[in-house]
Amino acid sequence: MCRGVVKFFNDQKGFGFIYRMDPNTGKLDMDKADIFVHFSHIDSPGYRTLYDSDIVTFTWIDTPKGLQAEKVVRTGDQYEGADFYF
């Protein structure tokens, strides 16, 4: 299971992207590709959405179009690290 931070999520289109977090430092790993997330892979009752800066746990798969998150769960925390804001 990986941890990451929601870069952005578009409710109307039902998708967004996640930054990966370094498991050792908890900082964002900006050198790695963002991970695509579709609302159908958000594990949440009711309306499935994510918010910018949400910390999430997830698994991922490598698809022909790139990395895609699966089993995405919001932790309830927000990322406030300085490296998030460019």
PDB file of N, CA and C in Angstrom:
ATOM      1  N   MET A   1       0.854  -1.183   0.000  1.00  0.00           N
ATOM      2  CA  MET A   1       0.000   0.000   0.000  1.00  0.00           C
ATOM      3  C   MET A   1       0.894   1.239   0.000  1.00  0.00           C
ATOM      4  N   CYS A   2       0.608   2.161  -0.885  1.00  0.00           N
ATOM      5  CA  CYS A   2       1.369   3.408  -0.999  1.00  0.00           C
ATOM      6  C   CYS A   2       0.598   4.553  -0.355  1.00  0.00           C
ATOM      7  N   ARG A   3       1.320   5.633  -0.074  1.00  0.00           N
ATOM      8  CA  ARG A   3       0.687   6.868   0.387  1.00  0.00           C
ATOM      9  C   ARG A   3       0.991   7.956  -0.626  1.00  0.00           C
ATOM     10  N   GLY A   4       0.049   8.882  -0.750  1.00  0.00           N
ATOM     11  CA  GLY A   4       0.243   9.981  -1.675  1.00  0.00           C
ATOM     12  C   GLY A   4      -0.629  11.156  -1.308  1.00  0.00           C
ATOM     13  N   VAL A   5      -0.520  12.213  -2.119  1.00  0.00           N
ATOM     14  CA  VAL A   5      -1.269  13.449  -1.901  1.00  0.00           C
ATOM     15  C   VAL A   5      -1.990  13.798  -3.201  1.00  0.00           C
ATOM     16  N   VAL A   6      -3.252  14.151  -3.076  1.00  0.00           N
ATOM     17  CA  VAL A   6      -4.027  14.512  -4.258  1.00  0.00           C
ATOM     18  C   VAL A   6      -3.501  15.823  -4.834  1.00  0.00           C
ATOM     19  N   LYS A   7      -3.036  15.773  -6.068  1.00  0.00           N
ATOM     20  CA  LYS A   7      -2.562  16.963  -6.779  1.00  0.00           C
ATOM     21  C   LYS A   7      -3.772  17.791  -7.196  1.00  0.00           C
ATOM     22  N   PHE A   8      -4.732  17.147  -7.830  1.00  0.00           N
ATOM     23  CA  PHE A   8      -6.022  17.767  -8.125  1.00  0.00           C
ATOM     24  C   PHE A   8      -7.019  16.669  -8.462  1.00  0.00           C
ATOM     25  N   PHE A   9      -8.293  16.978  -8.292  1.00  0.00           N
ATOM     26  CA  PHE A   9      -9.360  16.050  -8.654  1.00  0.00           C
ATOM     27  C   PHE A   9     -10.521  16.862  -9.189  1.00  0.00           C
ATOM     28  N   ASN A  10     -10.999  16.513 -10.379  1.00  0.00           N
ATOM     29  CA  ASN A  10     -12.108  17.206 -11.020  1.00  0.00           C
ATOM     30  C   ASN A  10     -13.381  16.399 -10.802  1.00  0.00           C
ATOM     31  N   ASP A  11     -14.266  16.891  -9.922  1.00  0.00           N
ATOM     32  CA  ASP A  11     -15.521  16.200  -9.623  1.00  0.00           C
ATOM     33  C   ASP A  11     -16.376  15.985 -10.862  1.00  0.00           C
ATOM     34  N   GLN A  12     -16.445  16.983 -11.707  1.00  0.00           N
ATOM     35  CA  GLN A  12     -17.323  16.909 -12.875  1.00  0.00           C
ATOM     36  C   GLN A  12     -16.849  15.871 -13.886  1.00  0.00           C
ATOM     37  N   LYS A  13     -15.551  15.727 -14.021  1.00  0.00           N
ATOM     38  CA  LYS A  13     -15.010  14.746 -14.961  1.00  0.00           C
ATOM     39  C   LYS A  13     -14.713  13.403 -14.297  1.00  0.00           C
ATOM     40  N   GLY A  14     -14.633  13.395 -12.968  1.00  0.00           N
ATOM     41  CA  GLY A  14     -14.446  12.151 -12.239  1.00  0.00           C
ATOM     42  C   GLY A  14     -13.036  11.592 -12.239  1.00  0.00           C
ATOM     43  N   PHE A  15     -12.042  12.457 -12.400  1.00  0.00           N
ATOM     44  CA  PHE A  15     -10.668  11.967 -12.355  1.00  0.00           C
ATOM     45  C   PHE A  15      -9.731  13.044 -11.825  1.00  0.00           C
ATOM     46  N   GLY A  16      -8.516  12.613 -11.497  1.00  0.00           N
ATOM     47  CA  GLY A  16      -7.489  13.531 -11.030  1.00  0.00           C
ATOM     48  C   GLY A  16      -6.149  12.826 -10.997  1.00  0.00           C
ATOM     49  N   PHE A  17      -5.203  13.426 -10.261  1.00  0.00           N
ATOM     50  CA  PHE A  17      -3.859  12.873 -10.170  1.00  0.00           C
ATOM     51  C   PHE A  17      -3.351  12.937  -8.736  1.00  0.00           C
ATOM     52  N   ILE A  18      -2.488  11.991  -8.411  1.00  0.00           N
ATOM     53  CA  ILE A  18      -1.911  11.862  -7.072  1.00  0.00           C
ATOM     54  C   ILE A  18      -0.389  11.949  -7.180  1.00  0.00           C
ATOM     55  N   TYR A  19       0.223  12.715  -6.257  1.00  0.00           N
ATOM     56  CA  TYR A  19       1.676  12.688  -6.084  1.00  0.00           C
ATOM     57  C   TYR A  19       2.000  11.532  -5.146  1.00  0.00           C
ATOM     58  N   ARG A  20       3.085  10.833  -5.384  1.00  0.00           N
ATOM     59  CA  ARG A  20       3.527   9.789  -4.453  1.00  0.00           C
ATOM     60  C   ARG A  20       4.318  10.405  -3.311  1.00  0.00           C
ATOM     61  N   MET A  21       4.217   9.797  -2.133  1.00  0.00           N
ATOM     62  CA  MET A  21       5.002  10.217  -0.969  1.00  0.00           C
ATOM     63  C   MET A  21       6.133   9.217  -0.761  1.00  0.00           C
ATOM     64  N   ASP A  22       7.297   9.723  -0.407  1.00  0.00           N
ATOM     65  CA  ASP A  22       8.423   8.862  -0.074  1.00  0.00           C
ATOM     66  C   ASP A  22       8.089   8.146   1.230  1.00  0.00           C
ATOM     67  N   PRO A  23       8.121   6.809   1.256  1.00  0.00           N
ATOM     68  CA  PRO A  23       7.739   6.082   2.473  1.00  0.00           C
ATOM     69  C   PRO A  23       8.678   6.320   3.652  1.00  0.00           C
ATOM     70  N   ASN A  24       9.909   6.737   3.385  1.00  0.00           N
ATOM     71  CA  ASN A  24      10.873   6.963   4.462  1.00  0.00           C
ATOM     72  C   ASN A  24      10.780   8.353   5.069  1.00  0.00           C
ATOM     73  N   THR A  25      10.530   9.353   4.235  1.00  0.00           N
ATOM     74  CA  THR A  25      10.544  10.734   4.728  1.00  0.00           C
ATOM     75  C   THR A  25       9.158  11.355   4.862  1.00  0.00           C
ATOM     76  N   GLY A  26       8.167  10.801   4.149  1.00  0.00           N
ATOM     77  CA  GLY A  26       6.833  11.398   4.162  1.00  0.00           C
ATOM     78  C   GLY A  26       6.721  12.623   3.269  1.00  0.00           C
ATOM     79  N   LYS A  27       7.802  12.935   2.551  1.00  0.00           N
ATOM     80  CA  LYS A  27       7.775  14.083   1.629  1.00  0.00           C
ATOM     81  C   LYS A  27       7.322  13.611   0.253  1.00  0.00           C
ATOM     82  N   LEU A  28       6.848  14.562  -0.541  1.00  0.00           N
ATOM     83  CA  LEU A  28       6.412  14.232  -1.888  1.00  0.00           C
ATOM     84  C   LEU A  28       7.603  13.845  -2.747  1.00  0.00           C
ATOM     85  N   ASP A  29       7.422  12.814  -3.548  1.00  0.00           N
ATOM     86  CA  ASP A  29       8.471  12.358  -4.454  1.00  0.00           C
ATOM     87  C   ASP A  29       8.188  12.948  -5.831  1.00  0.00           C
ATOM     88  N   MET A  30       8.650  14.184  -6.051  1.00  0.00           N
ATOM     89  CA  MET A  30       8.355  14.922  -7.275  1.00  0.00           C
ATOM     90  C   MET A  30       9.091  14.374  -8.495  1.00  0.00           C
ATOM     91  N   ASP A  31      10.075  13.500  -8.290  1.00  0.00           N
ATOM     92  CA  ASP A  31      10.826  12.945  -9.416  1.00  0.00           C
ATOM     93  C   ASP A  31      10.083  11.807 -10.106  1.00  0.00           C
ATOM     94  N   LYS A  32       9.050  11.295  -9.481  1.00  0.00           N
ATOM     95  CA  LYS A  32       8.297  10.189 -10.060  1.00  0.00           C
ATOM     96  C   LYS A  32       7.029  10.708 -10.722  1.00  0.00           C
ATOM     97  N   ALA A  33       6.532   9.948 -11.679  1.00  0.00           N
ATOM     98  CA  ALA A  33       5.335  10.349 -12.427  1.00  0.00           C
ATOM     99  C   ALA A  33       4.109  10.416 -11.520  1.00  0.00           C
ATOM    100  N   ASP A  34       3.223  11.378 -11.820  1.00  0.00           N
ATOM    101  CA  ASP A  34       1.946  11.454 -11.114  1.00  0.00           C
ATOM    102  C   ASP A  34       1.135  10.201 -11.440  1.00  0.00           C
ATOM    103  N   ILE A  35       0.218   9.866 -10.549  1.00  0.00           N
ATOM    104  CA  ILE A  35      -0.604   8.675 -10.734  1.00  0.00           C
ATOM    105  C   ILE A  35      -2.041   9.096 -11.001  1.00  0.00           C
ATOM    106  N   PHE A  36      -2.598   8.605 -12.090  1.00  0.00           N
ATOM    107  CA  PHE A  36      -3.974   8.892 -12.476  1.00  0.00           C
ATOM    108  C   PHE A  36      -4.930   8.204 -11.501  1.00  0.00           C
ATOM    109  N   VAL A  37      -6.017   8.891 -11.130  1.00  0.00           N
ATOM    110  CA  VAL A  37      -7.046   8.278 -10.286  1.00  0.00           C
ATOM    111  C   VAL A  37      -8.418   8.579 -10.881  1.00  0.00           C
ATOM    112  N   HIS A  38      -9.225   7.532 -11.014  1.00  0.00           N
ATOM    113  CA  HIS A  38     -10.599   7.645 -11.510  1.00  0.00           C
ATOM    114  C   HIS A  38     -11.533   7.433 -10.325  1.00  0.00           C
ATOM    115  N   PHE A  39     -12.678   8.130 -10.332  1.00  0.00           N
ATOM    116  CA  PHE A  39     -13.596   8.053  -9.191  1.00  0.00           C
ATOM    117  C   PHE A  39     -14.030   6.620  -8.889  1.00  0.00           C
ATOM    118  N   SER A  40     -14.073   5.762  -9.896  1.00  0.00           N
ATOM    119  CA  SER A  40     -14.522   4.381  -9.684  1.00  0.00           C
ATOM    120  C   SER A  40     -13.556   3.579  -8.815  1.00  0.00           C
ATOM    121  N   HIS A  41     -12.343   4.094  -8.599  1.00  0.00           N
ATOM    122  CA  HIS A  41     -11.356   3.395  -7.773  1.00  0.00           C
ATOM    123  C   HIS A  41     -11.210   4.016  -6.380  1.00  0.00           C
ATOM    124  N   ILE A  42     -12.112   4.945  -6.039  1.00  0.00           N
ATOM    125  CA  ILE A  42     -12.105   5.537  -4.701  1.00  0.00           C
ATOM    126  C   ILE A  42     -12.975   4.676  -3.804  1.00  0.00           C
ATOM    127  N   ASP A  43     -12.400   4.186  -2.722  1.00  0.00           N
ATOM    128  CA  ASP A  43     -13.110   3.318  -1.784  1.00  0.00           C
ATOM    129  C   ASP A  43     -13.779   4.186  -0.728  1.00  0.00           C
ATOM    130  N   SER A  44     -15.035   4.545  -0.995  1.00  0.00           N
ATOM    131  CA  SER A  44     -15.766   5.443  -0.105  1.00  0.00           C
ATOM    132  C   SER A  44     -17.256   5.206  -0.299  1.00  0.00           C
ATOM    133  N   PRO A  45     -18.024   5.206   0.797  1.00  0.00           N
ATOM    134  CA  PRO A  45     -19.475   5.077   0.633  1.00  0.00           C
ATOM    135  C   PRO A  45     -20.060   6.367   0.055  1.00  0.00           C
ATOM    136  N   GLY A  46     -21.134   6.248  -0.681  1.00  0.00           N
ATOM    137  CA  GLY A  46     -21.787   7.440  -1.223  1.00  0.00           C
ATOM    138  C   GLY A  46     -21.006   8.043  -2.370  1.00  0.00           C
ATOM    139  N   TYR A  47     -21.035   9.370  -2.446  1.00  0.00           N
ATOM    140  CA  TYR A  47     -20.390  10.099  -3.540  1.00  0.00           C
ATOM    141  C   TYR A  47     -18.880   9.983  -3.412  1.00  0.00           C
ATOM    142  N   ARG A  48     -18.231   9.466  -4.431  1.00  0.00           N
ATOM    143  CA  ARG A  48     -16.785   9.231  -4.384  1.00  0.00           C
ATOM    144  C   ARG A  48     -16.038  10.414  -4.992  1.00  0.00           C
ATOM    145  N   THR A  49     -15.322  11.141  -4.139  1.00  0.00           N
ATOM    146  CA  THR A  49     -14.547  12.293  -4.597  1.00  0.00           C
ATOM    147  C   THR A  49     -13.295  12.434  -3.750  1.00  0.00           C
ATOM    148  N   LEU A  50     -12.380  13.256  -4.208  1.00  0.00           N
ATOM    149  CA  LEU A  50     -11.165  13.594  -3.474  1.00  0.00           C
ATOM    150  C   LEU A  50     -11.005  15.098  -3.504  1.00  0.00           C
ATOM    151  N   TYR A  51     -10.217  15.618  -2.570  1.00  0.00           N
ATOM    152  CA  TYR A  51      -9.969  17.056  -2.487  1.00  0.00           C
ATOM    153  C   TYR A  51      -8.472  17.320  -2.594  1.00  0.00           C
ATOM    154  N   ASP A  52      -8.121  18.440  -3.219  1.00  0.00           N
ATOM    155  CA  ASP A  52      -6.714  18.816  -3.338  1.00  0.00           C
ATOM    156  C   ASP A  52      -6.050  18.766  -1.964  1.00  0.00           C
ATOM    157  N   SER A  53      -4.865  18.205  -1.904  1.00  0.00           N
ATOM    158  CA  SER A  53      -4.042  18.069  -0.691  1.00  0.00           C
ATOM    159  C   SER A  53      -4.481  16.943   0.238  1.00  0.00           C
ATOM    160  N   ASP A  54      -5.544  16.185  -0.103  1.00  0.00           N
ATOM    161  CA  ASP A  54      -5.902  15.015   0.702  1.00  0.00           C
ATOM    162  C   ASP A  54      -4.742  14.031   0.700  1.00  0.00           C
ATOM    163  N   ILE A  55      -4.448  13.455   1.858  1.00  0.00           N
ATOM    164  CA  ILE A  55      -3.505  12.344   1.922  1.00  0.00           C
ATOM    165  C   ILE A  55      -4.319  11.071   1.732  1.00  0.00           C
ATOM    166  N   VAL A  56      -3.847  10.205   0.834  1.00  0.00           N
ATOM    167  CA  VAL A  56      -4.567   8.978   0.513  1.00  0.00           C
ATOM    168  C   VAL A  56      -3.627   7.783   0.565  1.00  0.00           C
ATOM    169  N   THR A  57      -4.215   6.610   0.765  1.00  0.00           N
ATOM    170  CA  THR A  57      -3.491   5.360   0.590  1.00  0.00           C
ATOM    171  C   THR A  57      -4.061   4.703  -0.661  1.00  0.00           C
ATOM    172  N   PHE A  58      -3.247   3.914  -1.341  1.00  0.00           N
ATOM    173  CA  PHE A  58      -3.699   3.311  -2.590  1.00  0.00           C
ATOM    174  C   PHE A  58      -2.729   2.223  -3.044  1.00  0.00           C
ATOM    175  N   THR A  59      -3.198   1.415  -3.960  1.00  0.00           N
ATOM    176  CA  THR A  59      -2.325   0.538  -4.724  1.00  0.00           C
ATOM    177  C   THR A  59      -2.312   1.100  -6.141  1.00  0.00           C
ATOM    178  N   TRP A  60      -1.384   0.657  -6.972  1.00  0.00           N
ATOM    179  CA  TRP A  60      -1.359   1.163  -8.340  1.00  0.00           C
ATOM    180  C   TRP A  60      -0.970   0.063  -9.302  1.00  0.00           C
ATOM    181  N   ILE A  61      -1.389   0.283 -10.557  1.00  0.00           N
ATOM    182  CA  ILE A  61      -1.036  -0.633 -11.628  1.00  0.00           C
ATOM    183  C   ILE A  61      -0.428   0.178 -12.769  1.00  0.00           C
ATOM    184  N   ASP A  62       0.386  -0.479 -13.557  1.00  0.00           N
ATOM    185  CA  ASP A  62       0.985   0.151 -14.732  1.00  0.00           C
ATOM    186  C   ASP A  62       0.118  -0.217 -15.930  1.00  0.00           C
ATOM    187  N   THR A  63      -0.470   0.782 -16.582  1.00  0.00           N
ATOM    188  CA  THR A  63      -1.325   0.563 -17.743  1.00  0.00           C
ATOM    189  C   THR A  63      -0.615   1.105 -18.986  1.00  0.00           C
ATOM    190  N   PRO A  64      -1.120   0.801 -20.171  1.00  0.00           N
ATOM    191  CA  PRO A  64      -0.513   1.362 -21.385  1.00  0.00           C
ATOM    192  C   PRO A  64      -0.495   2.897 -21.398  1.00  0.00           C
ATOM    193  N   LYS A  65      -1.423   3.522 -20.653  1.00  0.00           N
ATOM    194  CA  LYS A  65      -1.483   4.988 -20.603  1.00  0.00           C
ATOM    195  C   LYS A  65      -0.677   5.572 -19.440  1.00  0.00           C
ATOM    196  N   GLY A  66      -0.125   4.725 -18.594  1.00  0.00           N
ATOM    197  CA  GLY A  66       0.632   5.207 -17.440  1.00  0.00           C
ATOM    198  C   GLY A  66       0.138   4.574 -16.150  1.00  0.00           C
ATOM    199  N   LEU A  67       0.582   5.106 -15.025  1.00  0.00           N
ATOM    200  CA  LEU A  67       0.218   4.560 -13.719  1.00  0.00           C
ATOM    201  C   LEU A  67      -1.201   4.955 -13.344  1.00  0.00           C
ATOM    202  N   GLN A  68      -1.934   4.002 -12.755  1.00  0.00           N
ATOM    203  CA  GLN A  68      -3.306   4.263 -12.323  1.00  0.00           C
ATOM    204  C   GLN A  68      -3.492   3.761 -10.898  1.00  0.00           C
ATOM    205  N   ALA A  69      -4.078   4.609 -10.056  1.00  0.00           N
ATOM    206  CA  ALA A  69      -4.337   4.248  -8.661  1.00  0.00           C
ATOM    207  C   ALA A  69      -5.579   3.369  -8.568  1.00  0.00           C
ATOM    208  N   GLU A  70      -5.542   2.437  -7.619  1.00  0.00           N
ATOM    209  CA  GLU A  70      -6.681   1.590  -7.305  1.00  0.00           C
ATOM    210  C   GLU A  70      -6.822   1.546  -5.790  1.00  0.00           C
ATOM    211  N   LYS A  71      -7.995   1.153  -5.318  1.00  0.00           N
ATOM    212  CA  LYS A  71      -8.248   1.012  -3.875  1.00  0.00           C
ATOM    213  C   LYS A  71      -7.829   2.270  -3.123  1.00  0.00           C
ATOM    214  N   VAL A  72      -8.261   3.434  -3.612  1.00  0.00           N
ATOM    215  CA  VAL A  72      -7.875   4.726  -3.039  1.00  0.00           C
ATOM    216  C   VAL A  72      -8.735   5.024  -1.814  1.00  0.00           C
ATOM    217  N   VAL A  73      -8.086   5.338  -0.697  1.00  0.00           N
ATOM    218  CA  VAL A  73      -8.783   5.636   0.562  1.00  0.00           C
ATOM    219  C   VAL A  73      -8.239   6.939   1.140  1.00  0.00           C
ATOM    220  N   ARG A  74      -9.139   7.877   1.443  1.00  0.00           N
ATOM    221  CA  ARG A  74      -8.730   9.123   2.110  1.00  0.00           C
ATOM    222  C   ARG A  74      -8.386   8.811   3.557  1.00  0.00           C
ATOM    223  N   THR A  75      -7.281   9.379   4.052  1.00  0.00           N
ATOM    224  CA  THR A  75      -6.888   9.147   5.447  1.00  0.00           C
ATOM    225  C   THR A  75      -7.576  10.124   6.392  1.00  0.00           C
ATOM    226  N   GLY A  76      -8.120  11.202   5.844  1.00  0.00           N
ATOM    227  CA  GLY A  76      -8.727  12.243   6.669  1.00  0.00           C
ATOM    228  C   GLY A  76      -7.765  13.370   6.977  1.00  0.00           C
ATOM    229  N   ASP A  77      -6.511  13.229   6.538  1.00  0.00           N
ATOM    230  CA  ASP A  77      -5.500  14.261   6.775  1.00  0.00           C
ATOM    231  C   ASP A  77      -5.254  15.067   5.506  1.00  0.00           C
ATOM    232  N   GLN A  78      -4.728  16.275   5.690  1.00  0.00           N
ATOM    233  CA  GLN A  78      -4.339  17.150   4.584  1.00  0.00           C
ATOM    234  C   GLN A  78      -2.827  17.328   4.622  1.00  0.00           C
ATOM    235  N   TYR A  79      -2.203  17.365   3.456  1.00  0.00           N
ATOM    236  CA  TYR A  79      -0.767  17.572   3.366  1.00  0.00           C
ATOM    237  C   TYR A  79      -0.473  19.063   3.443  1.00  0.00           C
ATOM    238  N   GLU A  80       0.469  19.434   4.286  1.00  0.00           N
ATOM    239  CA  GLU A  80       0.800  20.849   4.464  1.00  0.00           C
ATOM    240  C   GLU A  80       2.284  21.122   4.269  1.00  0.00           C
ATOM    241  N   GLY A  81       2.984  20.226   3.589  1.00  0.00           N
ATOM    242  CA  GLY A  81       4.420  20.400   3.370  1.00  0.00           C
ATOM    243  C   GLY A  81       4.714  21.507   2.387  1.00  0.00           C
ATOM    244  N   ALA A  82       5.776  22.235   2.613  1.00  0.00           N
ATOM    245  CA  ALA A  82       6.140  23.373   1.770  1.00  0.00           C
ATOM    246  C   ALA A  82       6.449  22.951   0.337  1.00  0.00           C
ATOM    247  N   ASP A  83       6.895  21.702   0.141  1.00  0.00           N
ATOM    248  CA  ASP A  83       7.253  21.274  -1.208  1.00  0.00           C
ATOM    249  C   ASP A  83       6.038  21.043  -2.099  1.00  0.00           C
ATOM    250  N   PHE A  84       4.843  21.084  -1.535  1.00  0.00           N
ATOM    251  CA  PHE A  84       3.629  20.877  -2.317  1.00  0.00           C
ATOM    252  C   PHE A  84       3.268  22.104  -3.135  1.00  0.00           C
ATOM    253  N   TYR A  85       3.584  23.264  -2.618  1.00  0.00           N
ATOM    254  CA  TYR A  85       3.193  24.509  -3.281  1.00  0.00           C
ATOM    255  C   TYR A  85       4.354  25.031  -4.098  1.00  0.00           C
ATOM    256  N   PHE A  86       4.228  25.040  -5.421  1.00  0.00           N
ATOM    257  CA  PHE A  86       5.334  25.460  -6.232  1.00  0.00           C
ATOM    258  C   PHE A  86       5.204  26.858  -6.691  1.00  0.00           C
TER     259      PHE A  86
END
